[in-house]
Amino acid sequence: MHDKPLLKSAGDLLRRRHGSSHARPSGPDRFGLDSLLVGGFTAGTLTPDDEARLAEEVAAALPHQWDLPTKAIEQLSSVVDHLGGQKELMRWLDDHPGKPRRMARIYVLMGNLDQYSDDAAVVDAVRRAREQTPFPDGLRGYLSPATTDGTLAELASRIEGLLSEGHDDEATALALATTDWLQHAARDVPDAGAELHEVGDLMGHLHQDISEPDPRP
């Protein structure tokens, strides 16, 4: 994963600014972390294979933080605290190919989308782009008709909603469509300043990261 998008992300990477846009599932709790794996990880005694198993469990649990049982939340917090924070969690997940790596890169994207919702220059670039193309390729059905300072945060929630429903491929496709669109929206602003050029660069990095093939055989 490129370092810059992670370094530029700010605030809480694990909570969407506008909350979850999807309904809570009914029935018994489906996601949690293995207590023995968490204990071994914080004690530094896990084998590489067991650490990879824990990374898979953490990646599967992330989109369900908003309704995880208390014990699972405490276990996830133990992992985050042991690693040193949320950015370090993303680096750790990125070290494990497959779902953990993909989840880390998508969560870094969502963190940046939440942050850009507070950036007037980025919101204006999005509004300008939508005047030309109201519903870009891959985003129809996900974007509301009006462009507001919540538009990018809403896309982040939509991506997380798909992840929580197990639609990883659709979430990845939406993430890639979002990075491609925002990259061009930022760069196409006439006389765009350094800030918008950086947004375009970051989205380009994230698009490359998220689209990277799984190296596992």
N, C-alpha and C. Protein backbone atom coordinates (compact mmCIF):
# COMPACT_ATOMS: atom_id res chain seq x y z
N MET A 1 0.85 -1.19 0.00
CA MET A 1 0.00 0.00 0.00
C MET A 1 0.88 1.24 0.00
N HIS A 2 0.54 2.21 -0.85
CA HIS A 2 1.25 3.48 -0.83
C HIS A 2 1.11 4.12 0.55
N ASP A 3 2.17 4.75 1.01
CA ASP A 3 2.17 5.32 2.36
C ASP A 3 1.34 6.59 2.47
N LYS A 4 1.32 7.39 1.41
CA LYS A 4 0.74 8.72 1.51
C LYS A 4 -0.75 8.73 1.86
N PRO A 5 -1.59 7.90 1.22
CA PRO A 5 -3.01 7.93 1.59
C PRO A 5 -3.24 7.61 3.06
N LEU A 6 -2.46 6.69 3.62
CA LEU A 6 -2.61 6.35 5.03
C LEU A 6 -2.15 7.50 5.91
N LEU A 7 -1.03 8.11 5.56
CA LEU A 7 -0.52 9.22 6.36
C LEU A 7 -1.46 10.42 6.31
N LYS A 8 -2.13 10.62 5.17
CA LYS A 8 -3.03 11.77 5.02
C LYS A 8 -4.38 11.55 5.67
N SER A 9 -4.74 10.28 5.92
CA SER A 9 -6.03 10.02 6.57
C SER A 9 -5.98 10.53 7.99
N ALA A 10 -7.11 11.01 8.47
CA ALA A 10 -7.16 11.60 9.80
C ALA A 10 -8.41 11.13 10.52
N GLY A 11 -8.37 11.23 11.85
CA GLY A 11 -9.56 10.91 12.63
C GLY A 11 -9.76 9.41 12.77
N ASP A 12 -11.01 9.02 12.92
CA ASP A 12 -11.37 7.63 13.18
C ASP A 12 -11.56 6.88 11.88
N LEU A 13 -10.63 6.00 11.55
CA LEU A 13 -10.71 5.24 10.30
C LEU A 13 -11.77 4.15 10.38
N LEU A 14 -12.22 3.82 11.57
CA LEU A 14 -13.13 2.69 11.74
C LEU A 14 -14.58 3.10 11.93
N ARG A 15 -14.88 4.38 11.88
CA ARG A 15 -16.26 4.83 12.03
C ARG A 15 -16.60 5.80 10.92
N ARG A 16 -17.69 5.52 10.20
CA ARG A 16 -18.12 6.41 9.15
C ARG A 16 -18.68 7.69 9.74
N ARG A 17 -18.38 8.80 9.08
CA ARG A 17 -18.85 10.11 9.53
C ARG A 17 -20.37 10.17 9.62
N HIS A 18 -21.06 9.60 8.65
CA HIS A 18 -22.52 9.65 8.61
C HIS A 18 -23.14 8.35 9.11
N GLY A 19 -22.35 7.49 9.75
CA GLY A 19 -22.90 6.25 10.27
C GLY A 19 -23.15 5.24 9.17
N SER A 20 -23.66 4.12 9.54
CA SER A 20 -23.94 3.05 8.58
C SER A 20 -25.27 3.29 7.91
N SER A 21 -25.32 3.08 6.60
CA SER A 21 -26.53 3.31 5.83
C SER A 21 -27.30 2.02 5.59
N HIS A 22 -26.86 0.95 6.21
CA HIS A 22 -27.50 -0.33 5.97
C HIS A 22 -28.20 -0.81 7.24
N ALA A 23 -29.15 -1.72 7.07
CA ALA A 23 -29.92 -2.20 8.21
C ALA A 23 -29.10 -3.21 9.01
N ARG A 24 -29.37 -3.26 10.30
CA ARG A 24 -28.69 -4.23 11.15
C ARG A 24 -29.23 -5.63 10.86
N PRO A 25 -28.35 -6.60 10.74
CA PRO A 25 -28.83 -7.96 10.51
C PRO A 25 -29.47 -8.52 11.76
N SER A 26 -30.44 -9.40 11.58
CA SER A 26 -31.07 -10.03 12.72
C SER A 26 -30.44 -11.39 12.97
N GLY A 27 -30.75 -11.99 14.11
CA GLY A 27 -30.23 -13.31 14.38
C GLY A 27 -29.02 -13.26 15.29
N PRO A 28 -28.36 -14.38 15.54
CA PRO A 28 -27.23 -14.43 16.46
C PRO A 28 -26.02 -13.70 15.91
N ASP A 29 -25.11 -13.35 16.83
CA ASP A 29 -23.89 -12.68 16.42
C ASP A 29 -23.09 -13.59 15.49
N ARG A 30 -22.65 -13.06 14.37
CA ARG A 30 -21.95 -13.88 13.39
C ARG A 30 -20.46 -13.61 13.37
N PHE A 31 -20.01 -12.53 13.99
CA PHE A 31 -18.62 -12.15 13.87
C PHE A 31 -18.02 -11.91 15.25
N GLY A 32 -16.82 -12.36 15.41
CA GLY A 32 -16.09 -12.17 16.65
C GLY A 32 -14.65 -12.57 16.41
N LEU A 33 -13.84 -12.43 17.44
CA LEU A 33 -12.44 -12.79 17.33
C LEU A 33 -12.14 -13.93 18.29
N ASP A 34 -11.26 -14.81 17.88
CA ASP A 34 -10.86 -15.93 18.71
C ASP A 34 -10.04 -15.40 19.89
N SER A 35 -10.53 -15.66 21.10
CA SER A 35 -9.88 -15.12 22.30
C SER A 35 -8.44 -15.61 22.43
N LEU A 36 -8.20 -16.87 22.08
CA LEU A 36 -6.84 -17.41 22.18
C LEU A 36 -5.90 -16.72 21.19
N LEU A 37 -6.41 -16.44 20.00
CA LEU A 37 -5.58 -15.74 19.01
C LEU A 37 -5.28 -14.32 19.47
N VAL A 38 -6.29 -13.63 20.00
CA VAL A 38 -6.08 -12.26 20.48
C VAL A 38 -5.07 -12.26 21.62
N GLY A 39 -5.24 -13.18 22.57
CA GLY A 39 -4.32 -13.25 23.70
C GLY A 39 -2.91 -13.56 23.26
N GLY A 40 -2.76 -14.49 22.34
CA GLY A 40 -1.44 -14.82 21.83
C GLY A 40 -0.81 -13.68 21.07
N PHE A 41 -1.64 -12.93 20.35
CA PHE A 41 -1.12 -11.80 19.58
C PHE A 41 -0.60 -10.71 20.50
N THR A 42 -1.39 -10.36 21.50
CA THR A 42 -0.96 -9.29 22.42
C THR A 42 0.22 -9.74 23.27
N ALA A 43 0.38 -11.06 23.45
CA ALA A 43 1.52 -11.58 24.20
C ALA A 43 2.74 -11.81 23.32
N GLY A 44 2.54 -11.70 22.00
CA GLY A 44 3.64 -11.88 21.07
C GLY A 44 4.05 -13.32 20.87
N THR A 45 3.10 -14.25 21.04
CA THR A 45 3.44 -15.68 20.96
C THR A 45 2.81 -16.40 19.77
N LEU A 46 2.10 -15.68 18.90
CA LEU A 46 1.44 -16.34 17.78
C LEU A 46 2.43 -16.78 16.71
N THR A 47 2.14 -17.90 16.09
CA THR A 47 2.89 -18.32 14.91
C THR A 47 2.44 -17.46 13.72
N PRO A 48 3.22 -17.39 12.66
CA PRO A 48 2.78 -16.62 11.48
C PRO A 48 1.44 -17.09 10.94
N ASP A 49 1.20 -18.41 10.95
CA ASP A 49 -0.08 -18.91 10.44
C ASP A 49 -1.25 -18.46 11.32
N ASP A 50 -1.05 -18.49 12.63
CA ASP A 50 -2.11 -18.05 13.53
C ASP A 50 -2.35 -16.55 13.42
N GLU A 51 -1.27 -15.79 13.22
CA GLU A 51 -1.44 -14.34 13.04
C GLU A 51 -2.22 -14.06 11.76
N ALA A 52 -1.97 -14.83 10.72
CA ALA A 52 -2.72 -14.67 9.48
C ALA A 52 -4.20 -14.98 9.70
N ARG A 53 -4.49 -16.01 10.52
CA ARG A 53 -5.89 -16.33 10.85
C ARG A 53 -6.54 -15.17 11.59
N LEU A 54 -5.82 -14.58 12.53
CA LEU A 54 -6.37 -13.45 13.28
C LEU A 54 -6.63 -12.28 12.35
N ALA A 55 -5.72 -12.02 11.42
CA ALA A 55 -5.91 -10.92 10.46
C ALA A 55 -7.18 -11.14 9.64
N GLU A 56 -7.44 -12.39 9.25
CA GLU A 56 -8.67 -12.70 8.51
C GLU A 56 -9.90 -12.40 9.37
N GLU A 57 -9.84 -12.76 10.65
CA GLU A 57 -10.98 -12.52 11.54
C GLU A 57 -11.20 -11.03 11.74
N VAL A 58 -10.13 -10.28 11.93
CA VAL A 58 -10.25 -8.83 12.11
C VAL A 58 -10.85 -8.20 10.85
N ALA A 59 -10.35 -8.60 9.69
CA ALA A 59 -10.86 -8.04 8.43
C ALA A 59 -12.34 -8.33 8.27
N ALA A 60 -12.77 -9.53 8.64
CA ALA A 60 -14.19 -9.89 8.52
C ALA A 60 -15.05 -9.10 9.50
N ALA A 61 -14.49 -8.75 10.65
CA ALA A 61 -15.27 -8.06 11.69
C ALA A 61 -15.39 -6.56 11.45
N LEU A 62 -14.44 -5.96 10.76
CA LEU A 62 -14.42 -4.49 10.65
C LEU A 62 -15.73 -3.88 10.16
N PRO A 63 -16.36 -4.39 9.10
CA PRO A 63 -17.60 -3.75 8.64
C PRO A 63 -18.77 -3.91 9.60
N HIS A 64 -18.59 -4.70 10.66
CA HIS A 64 -19.68 -4.97 11.60
C HIS A 64 -19.43 -4.34 12.96
N GLN A 65 -18.48 -3.40 13.04
CA GLN A 65 -18.14 -2.82 14.34
C GLN A 65 -19.34 -2.20 15.03
N TRP A 66 -20.22 -1.63 14.22
CA TRP A 66 -21.36 -0.91 14.77
C TRP A 66 -22.36 -1.81 15.48
N ASP A 67 -22.27 -3.15 15.29
CA ASP A 67 -23.18 -4.03 16.02
C ASP A 67 -22.48 -5.28 16.56
N LEU A 68 -21.16 -5.23 16.70
CA LEU A 68 -20.45 -6.34 17.30
C LEU A 68 -20.83 -6.46 18.77
N PRO A 69 -20.84 -7.69 19.31
CA PRO A 69 -21.04 -7.84 20.75
C PRO A 69 -19.91 -7.16 21.52
N THR A 70 -20.20 -6.80 22.76
CA THR A 70 -19.24 -6.06 23.57
C THR A 70 -17.89 -6.77 23.65
N LYS A 71 -17.92 -8.09 23.82
CA LYS A 71 -16.67 -8.83 23.94
C LYS A 71 -15.82 -8.69 22.69
N ALA A 72 -16.47 -8.77 21.52
CA ALA A 72 -15.72 -8.66 20.26
C ALA A 72 -15.14 -7.26 20.10
N ILE A 73 -15.89 -6.24 20.52
CA ILE A 73 -15.38 -4.87 20.46
C ILE A 73 -14.15 -4.72 21.34
N GLU A 74 -14.21 -5.31 22.53
CA GLU A 74 -13.07 -5.24 23.45
C GLU A 74 -11.86 -5.97 22.86
N GLN A 75 -12.11 -7.11 22.21
CA GLN A 75 -11.01 -7.85 21.59
C GLN A 75 -10.38 -7.06 20.44
N LEU A 76 -11.24 -6.44 19.63
CA LEU A 76 -10.73 -5.63 18.53
C LEU A 76 -9.92 -4.45 19.07
N SER A 77 -10.40 -3.84 20.14
CA SER A 77 -9.68 -2.72 20.76
C SER A 77 -8.32 -3.19 21.28
N SER A 78 -8.26 -4.40 21.81
CA SER A 78 -6.99 -4.94 22.30
C SER A 78 -5.98 -5.07 21.17
N VAL A 79 -6.46 -5.54 20.02
CA VAL A 79 -5.57 -5.67 18.86
C VAL A 79 -5.08 -4.30 18.40
N VAL A 80 -6.02 -3.33 18.30
CA VAL A 80 -5.66 -1.99 17.87
C VAL A 80 -4.66 -1.36 18.84
N ASP A 81 -4.93 -1.49 20.14
CA ASP A 81 -4.04 -0.90 21.15
C ASP A 81 -2.66 -1.55 21.10
N HIS A 82 -2.62 -2.86 20.91
CA HIS A 82 -1.33 -3.55 20.85
C HIS A 82 -0.51 -3.07 19.66
N LEU A 83 -1.19 -2.80 18.55
CA LEU A 83 -0.48 -2.35 17.35
C LEU A 83 -0.08 -0.89 17.43
N GLY A 84 -0.77 -0.10 18.26
CA GLY A 84 -0.41 1.30 18.43
C GLY A 84 -1.38 2.29 17.82
N GLY A 85 -2.52 1.82 17.32
CA GLY A 85 -3.51 2.75 16.76
C GLY A 85 -4.11 2.23 15.47
N GLN A 86 -5.06 2.99 14.95
CA GLN A 86 -5.80 2.54 13.77
C GLN A 86 -4.95 2.52 12.51
N LYS A 87 -4.08 3.49 12.34
CA LYS A 87 -3.22 3.47 11.16
C LYS A 87 -2.29 2.26 11.19
N GLU A 88 -1.80 1.94 12.39
CA GLU A 88 -0.94 0.76 12.51
C GLU A 88 -1.73 -0.52 12.25
N LEU A 89 -3.02 -0.52 12.63
CA LEU A 89 -3.88 -1.66 12.30
C LEU A 89 -3.96 -1.85 10.79
N MET A 90 -4.11 -0.74 10.05
CA MET A 90 -4.19 -0.84 8.60
C MET A 90 -2.88 -1.35 8.00
N ARG A 91 -1.76 -0.92 8.55
CA ARG A 91 -0.47 -1.42 8.06
C ARG A 91 -0.35 -2.92 8.32
N TRP A 92 -0.79 -3.34 9.49
CA TRP A 92 -0.71 -4.76 9.85
C TRP A 92 -1.60 -5.59 8.93
N LEU A 93 -2.83 -5.16 8.71
CA LEU A 93 -3.72 -5.88 7.80
C LEU A 93 -3.13 -5.91 6.39
N ASP A 94 -2.49 -4.82 5.99
CA ASP A 94 -1.92 -4.74 4.64
C ASP A 94 -0.78 -5.73 4.45
N ASP A 95 -0.18 -6.17 5.55
CA ASP A 95 0.90 -7.16 5.47
C ASP A 95 0.39 -8.57 5.20
N HIS A 96 -0.94 -8.75 5.25
CA HIS A 96 -1.53 -10.08 5.07
C HIS A 96 -2.35 -10.10 3.79
N PRO A 97 -1.90 -10.85 2.78
CA PRO A 97 -2.60 -10.86 1.48
C PRO A 97 -4.04 -11.35 1.60
N GLY A 98 -4.81 -11.02 0.57
CA GLY A 98 -6.19 -11.46 0.53
C GLY A 98 -7.14 -10.45 1.14
N LYS A 99 -8.13 -10.92 1.87
CA LYS A 99 -9.15 -10.05 2.43
C LYS A 99 -8.58 -8.99 3.38
N PRO A 100 -7.63 -9.34 4.28
CA PRO A 100 -7.10 -8.30 5.16
C PRO A 100 -6.49 -7.13 4.40
N ARG A 101 -5.67 -7.43 3.40
CA ARG A 101 -5.03 -6.36 2.62
C ARG A 101 -6.06 -5.52 1.89
N ARG A 102 -7.02 -6.18 1.24
CA ARG A 102 -8.04 -5.44 0.50
C ARG A 102 -8.87 -4.56 1.46
N MET A 103 -9.21 -5.11 2.62
CA MET A 103 -10.01 -4.37 3.58
C MET A 103 -9.25 -3.13 4.08
N ALA A 104 -7.97 -3.29 4.36
CA ALA A 104 -7.17 -2.16 4.83
C ALA A 104 -7.17 -1.04 3.81
N ARG A 105 -6.99 -1.37 2.56
CA ARG A 105 -6.89 -0.35 1.52
C ARG A 105 -8.22 0.35 1.30
N ILE A 106 -9.31 -0.40 1.39
CA ILE A 106 -10.63 0.21 1.24
C ILE A 106 -10.94 1.10 2.44
N TYR A 107 -10.54 0.68 3.64
CA TYR A 107 -10.80 1.51 4.82
C TYR A 107 -9.98 2.80 4.79
N VAL A 108 -8.78 2.73 4.26
CA VAL A 108 -8.00 3.97 4.10
C VAL A 108 -8.70 4.90 3.12
N LEU A 109 -9.24 4.35 2.04
CA LEU A 109 -10.02 5.17 1.10
C LEU A 109 -11.20 5.81 1.82
N MET A 110 -11.96 5.03 2.58
CA MET A 110 -13.13 5.57 3.25
C MET A 110 -12.74 6.65 4.25
N GLY A 111 -11.61 6.48 4.93
CA GLY A 111 -11.15 7.51 5.84
C GLY A 111 -10.84 8.81 5.12
N ASN A 112 -10.24 8.71 3.94
CA ASN A 112 -9.96 9.91 3.15
C ASN A 112 -11.24 10.55 2.63
N LEU A 113 -12.22 9.74 2.23
CA LEU A 113 -13.50 10.29 1.77
C LEU A 113 -14.19 11.06 2.89
N ASP A 114 -14.17 10.51 4.09
CA ASP A 114 -14.76 11.22 5.23
C ASP A 114 -14.05 12.55 5.46
N GLN A 115 -12.73 12.52 5.37
CA GLN A 115 -11.95 13.74 5.59
C GLN A 115 -12.23 14.78 4.51
N TYR A 116 -12.33 14.35 3.26
CA TYR A 116 -12.57 15.30 2.17
C TYR A 116 -13.96 15.92 2.24
N SER A 117 -14.87 15.30 2.97
CA SER A 117 -16.20 15.88 3.13
C SER A 117 -16.14 17.23 3.85
N ASP A 118 -15.06 17.47 4.58
CA ASP A 118 -14.88 18.73 5.29
C ASP A 118 -14.00 19.71 4.51
N ASP A 119 -13.63 19.35 3.30
CA ASP A 119 -12.73 20.19 2.50
C ASP A 119 -13.55 20.88 1.41
N ALA A 120 -13.74 22.18 1.55
CA ALA A 120 -14.59 22.93 0.62
C ALA A 120 -14.09 22.84 -0.81
N ALA A 121 -12.78 22.84 -1.01
CA ALA A 121 -12.23 22.79 -2.37
C ALA A 121 -12.56 21.45 -3.04
N VAL A 122 -12.49 20.37 -2.28
CA VAL A 122 -12.80 19.06 -2.84
C VAL A 122 -14.29 18.95 -3.13
N VAL A 123 -15.12 19.41 -2.19
CA VAL A 123 -16.57 19.36 -2.41
C VAL A 123 -16.96 20.19 -3.63
N ASP A 124 -16.31 21.34 -3.80
CA ASP A 124 -16.60 22.17 -4.97
C ASP A 124 -16.17 21.47 -6.26
N ALA A 125 -15.04 20.76 -6.22
CA ALA A 125 -14.59 20.02 -7.40
C ALA A 125 -15.58 18.91 -7.75
N VAL A 126 -16.11 18.26 -6.72
CA VAL A 126 -17.11 17.21 -6.94
C VAL A 126 -18.38 17.80 -7.55
N ARG A 127 -18.79 18.93 -7.01
CA ARG A 127 -20.00 19.59 -7.52
C ARG A 127 -19.81 19.99 -8.98
N ARG A 128 -18.63 20.53 -9.29
CA ARG A 128 -18.33 20.94 -10.67
C ARG A 128 -18.34 19.73 -11.61
N ALA A 129 -17.77 18.62 -11.16
CA ALA A 129 -17.73 17.42 -11.99
C ALA A 129 -19.14 16.88 -12.24
N ARG A 130 -20.00 16.97 -11.24
CA ARG A 130 -21.35 16.44 -11.40
C ARG A 130 -22.23 17.35 -12.26
N GLU A 131 -21.84 18.58 -12.41
CA GLU A 131 -22.56 19.45 -13.35
C GLU A 131 -22.37 18.95 -14.77
N GLN A 132 -21.22 18.34 -15.04
CA GLN A 132 -20.94 17.79 -16.37
C GLN A 132 -21.50 16.37 -16.51
N THR A 133 -21.30 15.57 -15.48
CA THR A 133 -21.76 14.17 -15.48
C THR A 133 -22.37 13.88 -14.13
N PRO A 134 -23.69 14.01 -14.01
CA PRO A 134 -24.34 13.84 -12.70
C PRO A 134 -24.11 12.48 -12.06
N PHE A 135 -24.11 11.43 -12.88
CA PHE A 135 -23.94 10.07 -12.34
C PHE A 135 -22.85 9.35 -13.13
N PRO A 136 -21.60 9.48 -12.68
CA PRO A 136 -20.48 8.86 -13.39
C PRO A 136 -20.60 7.33 -13.44
N ASP A 137 -19.84 6.74 -14.34
CA ASP A 137 -19.83 5.28 -14.48
C ASP A 137 -19.52 4.61 -13.14
N GLY A 138 -20.34 3.64 -12.80
CA GLY A 138 -20.12 2.88 -11.58
C GLY A 138 -20.70 3.48 -10.34
N LEU A 139 -21.22 4.72 -10.43
CA LEU A 139 -21.74 5.39 -9.24
C LEU A 139 -23.24 5.60 -9.27
N ARG A 140 -23.87 5.32 -10.40
CA ARG A 140 -25.33 5.44 -10.47
C ARG A 140 -25.95 4.45 -9.48
N GLY A 141 -26.91 4.94 -8.73
CA GLY A 141 -27.52 4.11 -7.71
C GLY A 141 -26.87 4.26 -6.35
N TYR A 142 -25.71 4.91 -6.32
CA TYR A 142 -25.02 5.14 -5.05
C TYR A 142 -24.97 6.62 -4.68
N LEU A 143 -24.98 7.49 -5.67
CA LEU A 143 -24.94 8.94 -5.43
C LEU A 143 -26.35 9.50 -5.32
N SER A 144 -26.57 10.36 -4.34
CA SER A 144 -27.83 11.10 -4.26
C SER A 144 -27.84 12.17 -5.34
N PRO A 145 -29.02 12.63 -5.77
CA PRO A 145 -29.07 13.64 -6.83
C PRO A 145 -28.33 14.92 -6.48
N ALA A 146 -28.46 15.39 -5.25
CA ALA A 146 -27.83 16.65 -4.85
C ALA A 146 -26.41 16.40 -4.34
N THR A 147 -25.50 17.32 -4.66
CA THR A 147 -24.14 17.25 -4.15
C THR A 147 -24.03 18.13 -2.91
N THR A 148 -23.64 17.53 -1.79
CA THR A 148 -23.49 18.26 -0.54
C THR A 148 -22.14 17.91 0.08
N ASP A 149 -21.87 18.48 1.26
CA ASP A 149 -20.62 18.13 1.94
C ASP A 149 -20.68 16.71 2.51
N GLY A 150 -21.84 16.06 2.40
CA GLY A 150 -21.94 14.67 2.83
C GLY A 150 -21.84 13.66 1.71
N THR A 151 -21.66 14.13 0.48
CA THR A 151 -21.67 13.21 -0.67
C THR A 151 -20.56 12.16 -0.59
N LEU A 152 -19.34 12.59 -0.30
CA LEU A 152 -18.23 11.63 -0.26
C LEU A 152 -18.33 10.71 0.95
N ALA A 153 -18.77 11.27 2.09
CA ALA A 153 -18.96 10.43 3.27
C ALA A 153 -20.06 9.40 3.03
N GLU A 154 -21.08 9.80 2.27
CA GLU A 154 -22.15 8.86 1.94
C GLU A 154 -21.62 7.71 1.08
N LEU A 155 -20.73 8.02 0.14
CA LEU A 155 -20.12 6.95 -0.66
C LEU A 155 -19.33 5.99 0.23
N ALA A 156 -18.62 6.55 1.22
CA ALA A 156 -17.88 5.70 2.15
C ALA A 156 -18.82 4.75 2.88
N SER A 157 -19.96 5.28 3.32
CA SER A 157 -20.93 4.43 4.01
C SER A 157 -21.52 3.37 3.08
N ARG A 158 -21.72 3.73 1.82
CA ARG A 158 -22.24 2.76 0.85
C ARG A 158 -21.23 1.61 0.66
N ILE A 159 -19.96 1.96 0.57
CA ILE A 159 -18.93 0.93 0.42
C ILE A 159 -18.93 0.01 1.63
N GLU A 160 -18.96 0.61 2.82
CA GLU A 160 -18.95 -0.20 4.04
C GLU A 160 -20.21 -1.06 4.13
N GLY A 161 -21.34 -0.51 3.67
CA GLY A 161 -22.57 -1.29 3.68
C GLY A 161 -22.46 -2.54 2.83
N LEU A 162 -21.86 -2.41 1.66
CA LEU A 162 -21.67 -3.58 0.80
C LEU A 162 -20.74 -4.60 1.46
N LEU A 163 -19.69 -4.11 2.11
CA LEU A 163 -18.78 -5.02 2.81
C LEU A 163 -19.51 -5.77 3.91
N SER A 164 -20.36 -5.07 4.65
CA SER A 164 -21.06 -5.69 5.77
C SER A 164 -22.04 -6.76 5.31
N GLU A 165 -22.51 -6.63 4.06
CA GLU A 165 -23.45 -7.60 3.50
C GLU A 165 -22.74 -8.75 2.78
N GLY A 166 -21.41 -8.72 2.81
CA GLY A 166 -20.64 -9.78 2.16
C GLY A 166 -20.44 -9.59 0.68
N HIS A 167 -20.76 -8.40 0.16
CA HIS A 167 -20.60 -8.13 -1.27
C HIS A 167 -19.24 -7.48 -1.53
N ASP A 168 -18.18 -8.24 -1.25
CA ASP A 168 -16.84 -7.67 -1.34
C ASP A 168 -16.48 -7.21 -2.75
N ASP A 169 -16.88 -7.98 -3.76
CA ASP A 169 -16.56 -7.60 -5.13
C ASP A 169 -17.27 -6.31 -5.52
N GLU A 170 -18.53 -6.17 -5.12
CA GLU A 170 -19.27 -4.94 -5.42
C GLU A 170 -18.67 -3.75 -4.67
N ALA A 171 -18.27 -3.98 -3.42
CA ALA A 171 -17.64 -2.91 -2.65
C ALA A 171 -16.34 -2.47 -3.30
N THR A 172 -15.57 -3.44 -3.78
CA THR A 172 -14.32 -3.12 -4.45
C THR A 172 -14.57 -2.34 -5.74
N ALA A 173 -15.57 -2.76 -6.50
CA ALA A 173 -15.91 -2.05 -7.74
C ALA A 173 -16.35 -0.62 -7.45
N LEU A 174 -17.13 -0.43 -6.39
CA LEU A 174 -17.57 0.92 -6.02
C LEU A 174 -16.38 1.75 -5.55
N ALA A 175 -15.48 1.14 -4.80
CA ALA A 175 -14.29 1.86 -4.35
C ALA A 175 -13.44 2.31 -5.54
N LEU A 176 -13.28 1.43 -6.52
CA LEU A 176 -12.47 1.78 -7.69
C LEU A 176 -13.16 2.86 -8.53
N ALA A 177 -14.48 2.76 -8.69
CA ALA A 177 -15.20 3.79 -9.43
C ALA A 177 -15.09 5.14 -8.73
N THR A 178 -15.10 5.12 -7.39
CA THR A 178 -15.00 6.35 -6.62
C THR A 178 -13.63 6.98 -6.75
N THR A 179 -12.57 6.18 -6.65
CA THR A 179 -11.23 6.73 -6.77
C THR A 179 -10.99 7.29 -8.16
N ASP A 180 -11.46 6.59 -9.18
CA ASP A 180 -11.28 7.06 -10.56
C ASP A 180 -12.02 8.38 -10.78
N TRP A 181 -13.25 8.45 -10.29
CA TRP A 181 -14.06 9.66 -10.46
C TRP A 181 -13.45 10.84 -9.72
N LEU A 182 -13.08 10.63 -8.45
CA LEU A 182 -12.56 11.74 -7.65
C LEU A 182 -11.19 12.18 -8.15
N GLN A 183 -10.40 11.25 -8.65
CA GLN A 183 -9.11 11.60 -9.22
C GLN A 183 -9.28 12.58 -10.38
N HIS A 184 -10.21 12.28 -11.28
CA HIS A 184 -10.43 13.16 -12.43
C HIS A 184 -11.15 14.45 -12.02
N ALA A 185 -12.06 14.36 -11.07
CA ALA A 185 -12.76 15.56 -10.61
C ALA A 185 -11.78 16.57 -10.04
N ALA A 186 -10.80 16.09 -9.28
CA ALA A 186 -9.83 17.00 -8.67
C ALA A 186 -8.88 17.58 -9.71
N ARG A 187 -8.47 16.78 -10.66
CA ARG A 187 -7.48 17.23 -11.63
C ARG A 187 -8.07 18.08 -12.75
N ASP A 188 -9.39 17.96 -12.96
CA ASP A 188 -10.02 18.68 -14.06
C ASP A 188 -10.46 20.09 -13.69
N VAL A 189 -10.29 20.48 -12.44
CA VAL A 189 -10.65 21.85 -12.04
C VAL A 189 -9.68 22.82 -12.70
N PRO A 190 -10.19 23.85 -13.40
CA PRO A 190 -9.30 24.83 -14.01
C PRO A 190 -8.41 25.50 -12.97
N ASP A 191 -7.14 25.61 -13.27
CA ASP A 191 -6.19 26.24 -12.35
C ASP A 191 -6.22 25.59 -10.97
N ALA A 192 -6.36 24.28 -10.95
CA ALA A 192 -6.38 23.56 -9.67
C ALA A 192 -5.07 23.79 -8.93
N GLY A 193 -5.18 24.05 -7.65
CA GLY A 193 -4.00 24.29 -6.84
C GLY A 193 -3.34 23.00 -6.41
N ALA A 194 -2.28 23.16 -5.61
CA ALA A 194 -1.51 22.00 -5.17
C ALA A 194 -2.36 21.03 -4.35
N GLU A 195 -3.30 21.58 -3.58
CA GLU A 195 -4.14 20.72 -2.73
C GLU A 195 -4.96 19.74 -3.57
N LEU A 196 -5.60 20.25 -4.62
CA LEU A 196 -6.41 19.37 -5.46
C LEU A 196 -5.55 18.40 -6.27
N HIS A 197 -4.39 18.85 -6.68
CA HIS A 197 -3.48 17.93 -7.38
C HIS A 197 -3.08 16.78 -6.46
N GLU A 198 -2.89 17.10 -5.17
CA GLU A 198 -2.55 16.05 -4.21
C GLU A 198 -3.71 15.08 -4.03
N VAL A 199 -4.94 15.61 -4.01
CA VAL A 199 -6.11 14.73 -3.93
C VAL A 199 -6.13 13.77 -5.11
N GLY A 200 -5.88 14.30 -6.30
CA GLY A 200 -5.84 13.46 -7.49
C GLY A 200 -4.76 12.39 -7.39
N ASP A 201 -3.59 12.78 -6.89
CA ASP A 201 -2.50 11.81 -6.74
C ASP A 201 -2.87 10.72 -5.73
N LEU A 202 -3.46 11.13 -4.60
CA LEU A 202 -3.84 10.16 -3.58
C LEU A 202 -4.87 9.17 -4.11
N MET A 203 -5.85 9.68 -4.85
CA MET A 203 -6.86 8.79 -5.41
C MET A 203 -6.23 7.84 -6.43
N GLY A 204 -5.25 8.33 -7.18
CA GLY A 204 -4.54 7.46 -8.12
C GLY A 204 -3.80 6.34 -7.39
N HIS A 205 -3.13 6.69 -6.28
CA HIS A 205 -2.43 5.68 -5.48
C HIS A 205 -3.41 4.64 -4.95
N LEU A 206 -4.55 5.12 -4.41
CA LEU A 206 -5.52 4.21 -3.83
C LEU A 206 -6.16 3.31 -4.90
N HIS A 207 -6.40 3.87 -6.07
CA HIS A 207 -6.95 3.05 -7.16
C HIS A 207 -5.99 1.92 -7.51
N GLN A 208 -4.71 2.26 -7.57
CA GLN A 208 -3.70 1.25 -7.87
C GLN A 208 -3.63 0.21 -6.76
N ASP A 209 -3.66 0.67 -5.51
CA ASP A 209 -3.58 -0.25 -4.38
C ASP A 209 -4.76 -1.22 -4.34
N ILE A 210 -5.97 -0.68 -4.49
CA ILE A 210 -7.17 -1.50 -4.36
C ILE A 210 -7.31 -2.47 -5.53
N SER A 211 -6.82 -2.08 -6.69
CA SER A 211 -6.94 -2.94 -7.88
C SER A 211 -5.81 -3.96 -7.99
N GLU A 212 -4.84 -3.89 -7.09
CA GLU A 212 -3.69 -4.80 -7.15
C GLU A 212 -4.14 -6.24 -6.98
N PRO A 213 -3.72 -7.15 -7.86
CA PRO A 213 -4.15 -8.55 -7.75
C PRO A 213 -3.64 -9.19 -6.46
N ASP A 214 -4.40 -10.16 -5.98
CA ASP A 214 -3.99 -10.93 -4.81
C ASP A 214 -2.78 -11.78 -5.19
N PRO A 215 -1.64 -11.62 -4.50
CA PRO A 215 -0.44 -12.36 -4.89
C PRO A 215 -0.48 -13.83 -4.52
N ARG A 216 -1.46 -14.24 -3.74
CA ARG A 216 -1.51 -15.65 -3.33
C ARG A 216 -1.85 -16.55 -4.52
N PRO A 217 -1.30 -17.75 -4.56
CA PRO A 217 -1.59 -18.68 -5.67
C PRO A 217 -3.04 -19.14 -5.63
